Amino acid sequence: MQAVLDGTVLAEADDADVVTIEGNWYFPPDAVTSQALNESDTPYTCPWKGKAQYFDVQTSEALHPDAAWSYPEPQASAIGRVGRDFTGFVAFDKQVTVG
């Protein structure tokens, strides 16, 4: 499975390694092209997952503010709810093609 934006592959992993949460695909940290992501200052806390870290995504075409996010320290109850540890996994905005 790949996450692609503006022709740039942002993440690539086996389907079995990707987690789906609320309709979003979360890629393991080692599957993400980290040089395309820059931490954003945008704050967000999910009521059940915890504090999120947003990222601006840089491609050769443009800068896409807050187009990716992860949960560096998800709540233990969230991990139980999802059924798998998704600490640091990265999800992408709907403008990113995942498939």
PDB file of N, CA and C in Angstrom:
ATOM      1  N   MET A   1       0.844  -1.161   0.000  1.00  0.00           N
ATOM      2  CA  MET A   1       0.000   0.000   0.000  1.00  0.00           C
ATOM      3  C   MET A   1       0.897   1.234   0.000  1.00  0.00           C
ATOM      4  N   GLN A   2       0.477   2.251  -0.748  1.00  0.00           N
ATOM      5  CA  GLN A   2       1.240   3.483  -0.853  1.00  0.00           C
ATOM      6  C   GLN A   2       0.362   4.687  -0.534  1.00  0.00           C
ATOM      7  N   ALA A   3       0.996   5.743  -0.056  1.00  0.00           N
ATOM      8  CA  ALA A   3       0.374   7.051   0.083  1.00  0.00           C
ATOM      9  C   ALA A   3       1.118   7.973  -0.864  1.00  0.00           C
ATOM     10  N   VAL A   4       0.398   8.586  -1.821  1.00  0.00           N
ATOM     11  CA  VAL A   4       1.031   9.385  -2.871  1.00  0.00           C
ATOM     12  C   VAL A   4       0.349  10.744  -2.976  1.00  0.00           C
ATOM     13  N   LEU A   5       1.162  11.791  -3.094  1.00  0.00           N
ATOM     14  CA  LEU A   5       0.656  13.156  -3.275  1.00  0.00           C
ATOM     15  C   LEU A   5       1.544  13.861  -4.286  1.00  0.00           C
ATOM     16  N   ASP A   6       0.950  14.456  -5.293  1.00  0.00           N
ATOM     17  CA  ASP A   6       1.687  15.169  -6.346  1.00  0.00           C
ATOM     18  C   ASP A   6       2.753  14.284  -6.983  1.00  0.00           C
ATOM     19  N   GLY A   7       2.475  12.981  -7.087  1.00  0.00           N
ATOM     20  CA  GLY A   7       3.428  12.055  -7.681  1.00  0.00           C
ATOM     21  C   GLY A   7       4.550  11.628  -6.744  1.00  0.00           C
ATOM     22  N   THR A   8       4.547  12.118  -5.512  1.00  0.00           N
ATOM     23  CA  THR A   8       5.564  11.771  -4.524  1.00  0.00           C
ATOM     24  C   THR A   8       5.040  10.674  -3.605  1.00  0.00           C
ATOM     25  N   VAL A   9       5.798   9.585  -3.478  1.00  0.00           N
ATOM     26  CA  VAL A   9       5.424   8.514  -2.558  1.00  0.00           C
ATOM     27  C   VAL A   9       5.813   8.961  -1.151  1.00  0.00           C
ATOM     28  N   LEU A  10       4.806   9.125  -0.303  1.00  0.00           N
ATOM     29  CA  LEU A  10       5.025   9.578   1.070  1.00  0.00           C
ATOM     30  C   LEU A  10       5.215   8.417   2.037  1.00  0.00           C
ATOM     31  N   ALA A  11       4.602   7.283   1.711  1.00  0.00           N
ATOM     32  CA  ALA A  11       4.706   6.104   2.565  1.00  0.00           C
ATOM     33  C   ALA A  11       4.427   4.867   1.730  1.00  0.00           C
ATOM     34  N   GLU A  12       5.053   3.757   2.140  1.00  0.00           N
ATOM     35  CA  GLU A  12       4.830   2.483   1.456  1.00  0.00           C
ATOM     36  C   GLU A  12       5.020   1.355   2.459  1.00  0.00           C
ATOM     37  N   ALA A  13       4.012   0.485   2.541  1.00  0.00           N
ATOM     38  CA  ALA A  13       4.068  -0.636   3.489  1.00  0.00           C
ATOM     39  C   ALA A  13       3.178  -1.765   2.994  1.00  0.00           C
ATOM     40  N   ASP A  14       3.439  -2.964   3.507  1.00  0.00           N
ATOM     41  CA  ASP A  14       2.556  -4.090   3.234  1.00  0.00           C
ATOM     42  C   ASP A  14       1.195  -3.799   3.854  1.00  0.00           C
ATOM     43  N   ASP A  15       0.145  -4.257   3.215  1.00  0.00           N
ATOM     44  CA  ASP A  15      -1.209  -4.038   3.718  1.00  0.00           C
ATOM     45  C   ASP A  15      -1.349  -4.486   5.168  1.00  0.00           C
ATOM     46  N   ALA A  16      -0.718  -5.590   5.538  1.00  0.00           N
ATOM     47  CA  ALA A  16      -0.835  -6.137   6.890  1.00  0.00           C
ATOM     48  C   ALA A  16      -0.195  -5.230   7.943  1.00  0.00           C
ATOM     49  N   ASP A  17       0.684  -4.328   7.523  1.00  0.00           N
ATOM     50  CA  ASP A  17       1.380  -3.452   8.463  1.00  0.00           C
ATOM     51  C   ASP A  17       0.661  -2.117   8.676  1.00  0.00           C
ATOM     52  N   VAL A  18      -0.352  -1.851   7.866  1.00  0.00           N
ATOM     53  CA  VAL A  18      -1.084  -0.588   7.931  1.00  0.00           C
ATOM     54  C   VAL A  18      -2.338  -0.789   8.782  1.00  0.00           C
ATOM     55  N   VAL A  19      -2.667   0.234   9.575  1.00  0.00           N
ATOM     56  CA  VAL A  19      -3.830   0.177  10.460  1.00  0.00           C
ATOM     57  C   VAL A  19      -4.882   1.165   9.957  1.00  0.00           C
ATOM     58  N   THR A  20      -6.137   0.749   9.947  1.00  0.00           N
ATOM     59  CA  THR A  20      -7.196   1.678   9.573  1.00  0.00           C
ATOM     60  C   THR A  20      -7.961   2.096  10.828  1.00  0.00           C
ATOM     61  N   ILE A  21      -8.101   3.408  10.990  1.00  0.00           N
ATOM     62  CA  ILE A  21      -8.818   3.984  12.125  1.00  0.00           C
ATOM     63  C   ILE A  21      -9.726   5.079  11.594  1.00  0.00           C
ATOM     64  N   GLU A  22     -10.993   4.939  11.840  1.00  0.00           N
ATOM     65  CA  GLU A  22     -11.988   5.933  11.425  1.00  0.00           C
ATOM     66  C   GLU A  22     -11.855   6.299   9.944  1.00  0.00           C
ATOM     67  N   GLY A  23     -11.616   5.305   9.108  1.00  0.00           N
ATOM     68  CA  GLY A  23     -11.529   5.533   7.671  1.00  0.00           C
ATOM     69  C   GLY A  23     -10.204   6.063   7.172  1.00  0.00           C
ATOM     70  N   ASN A  24      -9.229   6.227   8.056  1.00  0.00           N
ATOM     71  CA  ASN A  24      -7.899   6.690   7.660  1.00  0.00           C
ATOM     72  C   ASN A  24      -6.898   5.555   7.790  1.00  0.00           C
ATOM     73  N   TRP A  25      -5.970   5.497   6.841  1.00  0.00           N
ATOM     74  CA  TRP A  25      -4.917   4.487   6.858  1.00  0.00           C
ATOM     75  C   TRP A  25      -3.711   5.062   7.574  1.00  0.00           C
ATOM     76  N   TYR A  26      -3.227   4.346   8.574  1.00  0.00           N
ATOM     77  CA  TYR A  26      -2.062   4.754   9.350  1.00  0.00           C
ATOM     78  C   TYR A  26      -0.888   3.850   8.993  1.00  0.00           C
ATOM     79  N   PHE A  27       0.202   4.485   8.542  1.00  0.00           N
ATOM     80  CA  PHE A  27       1.403   3.759   8.131  1.00  0.00           C
ATOM     81  C   PHE A  27       2.413   3.715   9.271  1.00  0.00           C
ATOM     82  N   PRO A  28       3.127   2.582   9.420  1.00  0.00           N
ATOM     83  CA  PRO A  28       4.159   2.506  10.456  1.00  0.00           C
ATOM     84  C   PRO A  28       5.226   3.577  10.219  1.00  0.00           C
ATOM     85  N   PRO A  29       5.835   4.074  11.291  1.00  0.00           N
ATOM     86  CA  PRO A  29       6.828   5.146  11.145  1.00  0.00           C
ATOM     87  C   PRO A  29       7.951   4.830  10.170  1.00  0.00           C
ATOM     88  N   ASP A  30       8.426   3.581  10.147  1.00  0.00           N
ATOM     89  CA  ASP A  30       9.540   3.240   9.259  1.00  0.00           C
ATOM     90  C   ASP A  30       9.128   3.113   7.796  1.00  0.00           C
ATOM     91  N   ALA A  31       7.827   3.212   7.507  1.00  0.00           N
ATOM     92  CA  ALA A  31       7.329   3.133   6.135  1.00  0.00           C
ATOM     93  C   ALA A  31       7.137   4.513   5.512  1.00  0.00           C
ATOM     94  N   VAL A  32       7.347   5.558   6.314  1.00  0.00           N
ATOM     95  CA  VAL A  32       7.076   6.929   5.880  1.00  0.00           C
ATOM     96  C   VAL A  32       8.354   7.606   5.406  1.00  0.00           C
ATOM     97  N   THR A  33       8.256   8.348   4.315  1.00  0.00           N
ATOM     98  CA  THR A  33       9.369   9.140   3.799  1.00  0.00           C
ATOM     99  C   THR A  33       9.483  10.380   4.673  1.00  0.00           C
ATOM    100  N   SER A  34      10.289  10.293   5.701  1.00  0.00           N
ATOM    101  CA  SER A  34      10.325  11.339   6.730  1.00  0.00           C
ATOM    102  C   SER A  34      10.773  12.696   6.202  1.00  0.00           C
ATOM    103  N   GLN A  35      11.597  12.740   5.173  1.00  0.00           N
ATOM    104  CA  GLN A  35      12.060  14.031   4.660  1.00  0.00           C
ATOM    105  C   GLN A  35      10.933  14.828   3.990  1.00  0.00           C
ATOM    106  N   ALA A  36       9.805  14.196   3.713  1.00  0.00           N
ATOM    107  CA  ALA A  36       8.661  14.909   3.133  1.00  0.00           C
ATOM    108  C   ALA A  36       7.781  15.541   4.205  1.00  0.00           C
ATOM    109  N   LEU A  37       8.032  15.204   5.484  1.00  0.00           N
ATOM    110  CA  LEU A  37       7.189  15.696   6.577  1.00  0.00           C
ATOM    111  C   LEU A  37       7.956  16.666   7.465  1.00  0.00           C
ATOM    112  N   ASN A  38       7.278  17.762   7.807  1.00  0.00           N
ATOM    113  CA  ASN A  38       7.828  18.734   8.740  1.00  0.00           C
ATOM    114  C   ASN A  38       6.797  18.972   9.827  1.00  0.00           C
ATOM    115  N   GLU A  39       7.205  18.875  11.088  1.00  0.00           N
ATOM    116  CA  GLU A  39       6.263  19.061  12.187  1.00  0.00           C
ATOM    117  C   GLU A  39       5.570  20.410  12.088  1.00  0.00           C
ATOM    118  N   SER A  40       4.278  20.393  12.325  1.00  0.00           N
ATOM    119  CA  SER A  40       3.445  21.589  12.327  1.00  0.00           C
ATOM    120  C   SER A  40       3.161  21.979  13.773  1.00  0.00           C
ATOM    121  N   ASP A  41       2.860  23.237  13.991  1.00  0.00           N
ATOM    122  CA  ASP A  41       2.497  23.719  15.323  1.00  0.00           C
ATOM    123  C   ASP A  41       0.997  23.591  15.601  1.00  0.00           C
ATOM    124  N   THR A  42       0.245  23.070  14.641  1.00  0.00           N
ATOM    125  CA  THR A  42      -1.204  22.958  14.807  1.00  0.00           C
ATOM    126  C   THR A  42      -1.538  22.015  15.954  1.00  0.00           C
ATOM    127  N   PRO A  43      -2.261  22.503  16.950  1.00  0.00           N
ATOM    128  CA  PRO A  43      -2.625  21.638  18.076  1.00  0.00           C
ATOM    129  C   PRO A  43      -3.930  20.889  17.805  1.00  0.00           C
ATOM    130  N   TYR A  44      -3.983  19.652  18.276  1.00  0.00           N
ATOM    131  CA  TYR A  44      -5.231  18.892  18.221  1.00  0.00           C
ATOM    132  C   TYR A  44      -5.144  17.750  19.221  1.00  0.00           C
ATOM    133  N   THR A  45      -6.228  17.558  19.938  1.00  0.00           N
ATOM    134  CA  THR A  45      -6.329  16.427  20.843  1.00  0.00           C
ATOM    135  C   THR A  45      -7.626  15.701  20.554  1.00  0.00           C
ATOM    136  N   CYS A  46      -7.517  14.441  20.177  1.00  0.00           N
ATOM    137  CA  CYS A  46      -8.684  13.599  19.928  1.00  0.00           C
ATOM    138  C   CYS A  46      -9.222  13.152  21.286  1.00  0.00           C
ATOM    139  N   PRO A  47     -10.539  13.186  21.470  1.00  0.00           N
ATOM    140  CA  PRO A  47     -11.094  12.793  22.759  1.00  0.00           C
ATOM    141  C   PRO A  47     -10.755  11.358  23.177  1.00  0.00           C
ATOM    142  N   TRP A  48     -10.539  10.470  22.213  1.00  0.00           N
ATOM    143  CA  TRP A  48     -10.268   9.084  22.613  1.00  0.00           C
ATOM    144  C   TRP A  48      -8.872   8.588  22.244  1.00  0.00           C
ATOM    145  N   LYS A  49      -8.184   9.256  21.305  1.00  0.00           N
ATOM    146  CA  LYS A  49      -6.832   8.821  20.935  1.00  0.00           C
ATOM    147  C   LYS A  49      -5.748   9.602  21.671  1.00  0.00           C
ATOM    148  N   GLY A  50      -6.026  10.857  22.009  1.00  0.00           N
ATOM    149  CA  GLY A  50      -5.043  11.677  22.705  1.00  0.00           C
ATOM    150  C   GLY A  50      -4.497  12.784  21.835  1.00  0.00           C
ATOM    151  N   LYS A  51      -3.329  13.312  22.225  1.00  0.00           N
ATOM    152  CA  LYS A  51      -2.712  14.451  21.545  1.00  0.00           C
ATOM    153  C   LYS A  51      -2.082  14.021  20.216  1.00  0.00           C
ATOM    154  N   ALA A  52      -2.428  14.743  19.158  1.00  0.00           N
ATOM    155  CA  ALA A  52      -1.902  14.461  17.814  1.00  0.00           C
ATOM    156  C   ALA A  52      -0.727  15.379  17.496  1.00  0.00           C
ATOM    157  N   GLN A  53       0.141  14.897  16.631  1.00  0.00           N
ATOM    158  CA  GLN A  53       1.200  15.718  16.043  1.00  0.00           C
ATOM    159  C   GLN A  53       0.883  15.848  14.555  1.00  0.00           C
ATOM    160  N   TYR A  54       0.655  17.078  14.101  1.00  0.00           N
ATOM    161  CA  TYR A  54       0.409  17.311  12.677  1.00  0.00           C
ATOM    162  C   TYR A  54       1.725  17.568  11.954  1.00  0.00           C
ATOM    163  N   PHE A  55       1.714  17.289  10.649  1.00  0.00           N
ATOM    164  CA  PHE A  55       2.876  17.515   9.797  1.00  0.00           C
ATOM    165  C   PHE A  55       2.453  18.246   8.532  1.00  0.00           C
ATOM    166  N   ASP A  56       3.288  19.183   8.092  1.00  0.00           N
ATOM    167  CA  ASP A  56       3.149  19.757   6.765  1.00  0.00           C
ATOM    168  C   ASP A  56       3.871  18.811   5.813  1.00  0.00           C
ATOM    169  N   VAL A  57       3.271  18.573   4.659  1.00  0.00           N
ATOM    170  CA  VAL A  57       3.850  17.655   3.678  1.00  0.00           C
ATOM    171  C   VAL A  57       4.426  18.468   2.520  1.00  0.00           C
ATOM    172  N   GLN A  58       5.705  18.263   2.255  1.00  0.00           N
ATOM    173  CA  GLN A  58       6.387  18.957   1.169  1.00  0.00           C
ATOM    174  C   GLN A  58       6.602  17.995   0.007  1.00  0.00           C
ATOM    175  N   THR A  59       6.075  18.364  -1.148  1.00  0.00           N
ATOM    176  CA  THR A  59       6.349  17.604  -2.377  1.00  0.00           C
ATOM    177  C   THR A  59       7.099  18.531  -3.326  1.00  0.00           C
ATOM    178  N   SER A  60       7.487  18.026  -4.476  1.00  0.00           N
ATOM    179  CA  SER A  60       8.165  18.879  -5.454  1.00  0.00           C
ATOM    180  C   SER A  60       7.214  19.923  -6.036  1.00  0.00           C
ATOM    181  N   GLU A  61       5.919  19.676  -5.891  1.00  0.00           N
ATOM    182  CA  GLU A  61       4.908  20.578  -6.441  1.00  0.00           C
ATOM    183  C   GLU A  61       4.482  21.691  -5.477  1.00  0.00           C
ATOM    184  N   ALA A  62       4.358  21.359  -4.171  1.00  0.00           N
ATOM    185  CA  ALA A  62       3.790  22.334  -3.239  1.00  0.00           C
ATOM    186  C   ALA A  62       3.982  21.894  -1.797  1.00  0.00           C
ATOM    187  N   LEU A  63       3.715  22.843  -0.904  1.00  0.00           N
ATOM    188  CA  LEU A  63       3.659  22.559   0.522  1.00  0.00           C
ATOM    189  C   LEU A  63       2.193  22.371   0.891  1.00  0.00           C
ATOM    190  N   HIS A  64       1.882  21.277   1.561  1.00  0.00           N
ATOM    191  CA  HIS A  64       0.507  20.950   1.952  1.00  0.00           C
ATOM    192  C   HIS A  64       0.434  20.993   3.481  1.00  0.00           C
ATOM    193  N   PRO A  65      -0.048  22.119   4.037  1.00  0.00           N
ATOM    194  CA  PRO A  65      -0.093  22.261   5.497  1.00  0.00           C
ATOM    195  C   PRO A  65      -0.998  21.223   6.159  1.00  0.00           C
ATOM    196  N   ASP A  66      -0.505  20.664   7.243  1.00  0.00           N
ATOM    197  CA  ASP A  66      -1.276  19.742   8.084  1.00  0.00           C
ATOM    198  C   ASP A  66      -1.893  18.574   7.311  1.00  0.00           C
ATOM    199  N   ALA A  67      -1.203  18.072   6.314  1.00  0.00           N
ATOM    200  CA  ALA A  67      -1.727  16.992   5.479  1.00  0.00           C
ATOM    201  C   ALA A  67      -1.405  15.605   6.033  1.00  0.00           C
ATOM    202  N   ALA A  68      -0.731  15.552   7.178  1.00  0.00           N
ATOM    203  CA  ALA A  68      -0.427  14.259   7.810  1.00  0.00           C
ATOM    204  C   ALA A  68      -0.446  14.451   9.325  1.00  0.00           C
ATOM    205  N   TRP A  69      -0.675  13.362  10.040  1.00  0.00           N
ATOM    206  CA  TRP A  69      -0.678  13.424  11.499  1.00  0.00           C
ATOM    207  C   TRP A  69      -0.384  12.062  12.084  1.00  0.00           C
ATOM    208  N   SER A  70      -0.001  12.086  13.346  1.00  0.00           N
ATOM    209  CA  SER A  70       0.223  10.843  14.086  1.00  0.00           C
ATOM    210  C   SER A  70      -0.089  11.088  15.558  1.00  0.00           C
ATOM    211  N   TYR A  71      -0.077  10.006  16.298  1.00  0.00           N
ATOM    212  CA  TYR A  71      -0.277  10.061  17.745  1.00  0.00           C
ATOM    213  C   TYR A  71       0.979   9.489  18.391  1.00  0.00           C
ATOM    214  N   PRO A  72       1.908  10.365  18.823  1.00  0.00           N
ATOM    215  CA  PRO A  72       3.165   9.890  19.391  1.00  0.00           C
ATOM    216  C   PRO A  72       2.993   9.116  20.703  1.00  0.00           C
ATOM    217  N   GLU A  73       1.947   9.428  21.450  1.00  0.00           N
ATOM    218  CA  GLU A  73       1.669   8.745  22.707  1.00  0.00           C
ATOM    219  C   GLU A  73       0.162   8.543  22.856  1.00  0.00           C
ATOM    220  N   PRO A  74      -0.421   7.634  22.052  1.00  0.00           N
ATOM    221  CA  PRO A  74      -1.869   7.440  22.145  1.00  0.00           C
ATOM    222  C   PRO A  74      -2.273   6.895  23.511  1.00  0.00           C
ATOM    223  N   GLN A  75      -3.492   7.199  23.897  1.00  0.00           N
ATOM    224  CA  GLN A  75      -4.010   6.687  25.158  1.00  0.00           C
ATOM    225  C   GLN A  75      -4.077   5.154  25.099  1.00  0.00           C
ATOM    226  N   ALA A  76      -3.788   4.525  26.226  1.00  0.00           N
ATOM    227  CA  ALA A  76      -3.823   3.058  26.295  1.00  0.00           C
ATOM    228  C   ALA A  76      -5.190   2.517  25.902  1.00  0.00           C
ATOM    229  N   SER A  77      -6.237   3.214  26.277  1.00  0.00           N
ATOM    230  CA  SER A  77      -7.587   2.768  25.918  1.00  0.00           C
ATOM    231  C   SER A  77      -7.801   2.824  24.402  1.00  0.00           C
ATOM    232  N   ALA A  78      -7.130   3.764  23.726  1.00  0.00           N
ATOM    233  CA  ALA A  78      -7.242   3.857  22.264  1.00  0.00           C
ATOM    234  C   ALA A  78      -6.573   2.658  21.603  1.00  0.00           C
ATOM    235  N   ILE A  79      -5.414   2.269  22.119  1.00  0.00           N
ATOM    236  CA  ILE A  79      -4.723   1.096  21.582  1.00  0.00           C
ATOM    237  C   ILE A  79      -5.604  -0.133  21.764  1.00  0.00           C
ATOM    238  N   GLY A  80      -6.239  -0.241  22.921  1.00  0.00           N
ATOM    239  CA  GLY A  80      -7.156  -1.355  23.161  1.00  0.00           C
ATOM    240  C   GLY A  80      -8.344  -1.319  22.221  1.00  0.00           C
ATOM    241  N   ARG A  81      -8.869  -0.147  21.986  1.00  0.00           N
ATOM    242  CA  ARG A  81     -10.032   0.004  21.097  1.00  0.00           C
ATOM    243  C   ARG A  81      -9.686  -0.375  19.661  1.00  0.00           C
ATOM    244  N   VAL A  82      -8.501   0.055  19.214  1.00  0.00           N
ATOM    245  CA  VAL A  82      -8.058  -0.247  17.846  1.00  0.00           C
ATOM    246  C   VAL A  82      -7.637  -1.705  17.729  1.00  0.00           C
ATOM    247  N   GLY A  83      -7.121  -2.262  18.822  1.00  0.00           N
ATOM    248  CA  GLY A  83      -6.687  -3.651  18.814  1.00  0.00           C
ATOM    249  C   GLY A  83      -5.247  -3.837  18.373  1.00  0.00           C
ATOM    250  N   ARG A  84      -4.532  -2.722  18.282  1.00  0.00           N
ATOM    251  CA  ARG A  84      -3.138  -2.766  17.837  1.00  0.00           C
ATOM    252  C   ARG A  84      -2.445  -1.471  18.236  1.00  0.00           C
ATOM    253  N   ASP A  85      -1.189  -1.566  18.582  1.00  0.00           N
ATOM    254  CA  ASP A  85      -0.431  -0.371  18.944  1.00  0.00           C
ATOM    255  C   ASP A  85      -0.135   0.442  17.683  1.00  0.00           C
ATOM    256  N   PHE A  86      -0.603   1.683  17.656  1.00  0.00           N
ATOM    257  CA  PHE A  86      -0.386   2.552  16.500  1.00  0.00           C
ATOM    258  C   PHE A  86       0.460   3.769  16.868  1.00  0.00           C
ATOM    259  N   THR A  87       1.257   3.638  17.909  1.00  0.00           N
ATOM    260  CA  THR A  87       2.128   4.722  18.358  1.00  0.00           C
ATOM    261  C   THR A  87       3.041   5.181  17.225  1.00  0.00           C
ATOM    262  N   GLY A  88       2.978   6.462  16.897  1.00  0.00           N
ATOM    263  CA  GLY A  88       3.839   7.032  15.864  1.00  0.00           C
ATOM    264  C   GLY A  88       3.442   6.732  14.438  1.00  0.00           C
ATOM    265  N   PHE A  89       2.405   5.933  14.228  1.00  0.00           N
ATOM    266  CA  PHE A  89       1.943   5.657  12.865  1.00  0.00           C
ATOM    267  C   PHE A  89       1.431   6.965  12.260  1.00  0.00           C
ATOM    268  N   VAL A  90       1.569   7.117  10.954  1.00  0.00           N
ATOM    269  CA  VAL A  90       1.229   8.368  10.278  1.00  0.00           C
ATOM    270  C   VAL A  90       0.060   8.158   9.322  1.00  0.00           C
ATOM    271  N   ALA A  91      -0.924   9.050   9.443  1.00  0.00           N
ATOM    272  CA  ALA A  91      -2.084   9.058   8.546  1.00  0.00           C
ATOM    273  C   ALA A  91      -2.015  10.314   7.685  1.00  0.00           C
ATOM    274  N   PHE A  92      -2.757  10.282   6.585  1.00  0.00           N
ATOM    275  CA  PHE A  92      -2.707  11.378   5.627  1.00  0.00           C
ATOM    276  C   PHE A  92      -4.097  11.905   5.314  1.00  0.00           C
ATOM    277  N   ASP A  93      -4.137  13.187   4.994  1.00  0.00           N
ATOM    278  CA  ASP A  93      -5.353  13.879   4.599  1.00  0.00           C
ATOM    279  C   ASP A  93      -5.948  13.247   3.343  1.00  0.00           C
ATOM    280  N   LYS A  94      -7.202  13.508   3.102  1.00  0.00           N
ATOM    281  CA  LYS A  94      -7.909  12.919   1.944  1.00  0.00           C
ATOM    282  C   LYS A  94      -7.326  13.354   0.598  1.00  0.00           C
ATOM    283  N   GLN A  95      -6.548  14.430   0.554  1.00  0.00           N
ATOM    284  CA  GLN A  95      -5.923  14.846  -0.706  1.00  0.00           C
ATOM    285  C   GLN A  95      -4.818  13.882  -1.141  1.00  0.00           C
ATOM    286  N   VAL A  96      -4.353  13.054  -0.209  1.00  0.00           N
ATOM    287  CA  VAL A  96      -3.336  12.043  -0.494  1.00  0.00           C
ATOM    288  C   VAL A  96      -4.023  10.766  -0.967  1.00  0.00           C
ATOM    289  N   THR A  97      -3.546  10.218  -2.061  1.00  0.00           N
ATOM    290  CA  THR A  97      -4.101   8.975  -2.595  1.00  0.00           C
ATOM    291  C   THR A  97      -3.451   7.799  -1.875  1.00  0.00           C
ATOM    292  N   VAL A  98      -4.304   6.980  -1.259  1.00  0.00           N
ATOM    293  CA  VAL A  98      -3.819   5.787  -0.559  1.00  0.00           C
ATOM    294  C   VAL A  98      -4.411   4.562  -1.236  1.00  0.00           C
ATOM    295  N   GLY A  99      -3.568   3.642  -1.579  1.00  0.00           N
ATOM    296  CA  GLY A  99      -4.056   2.433  -2.203  1.00  0.00           C
ATOM    297  C   GLY A  99      -2.954   1.487  -2.556  1.00  0.00           C
TER     298      GLY A  99
END
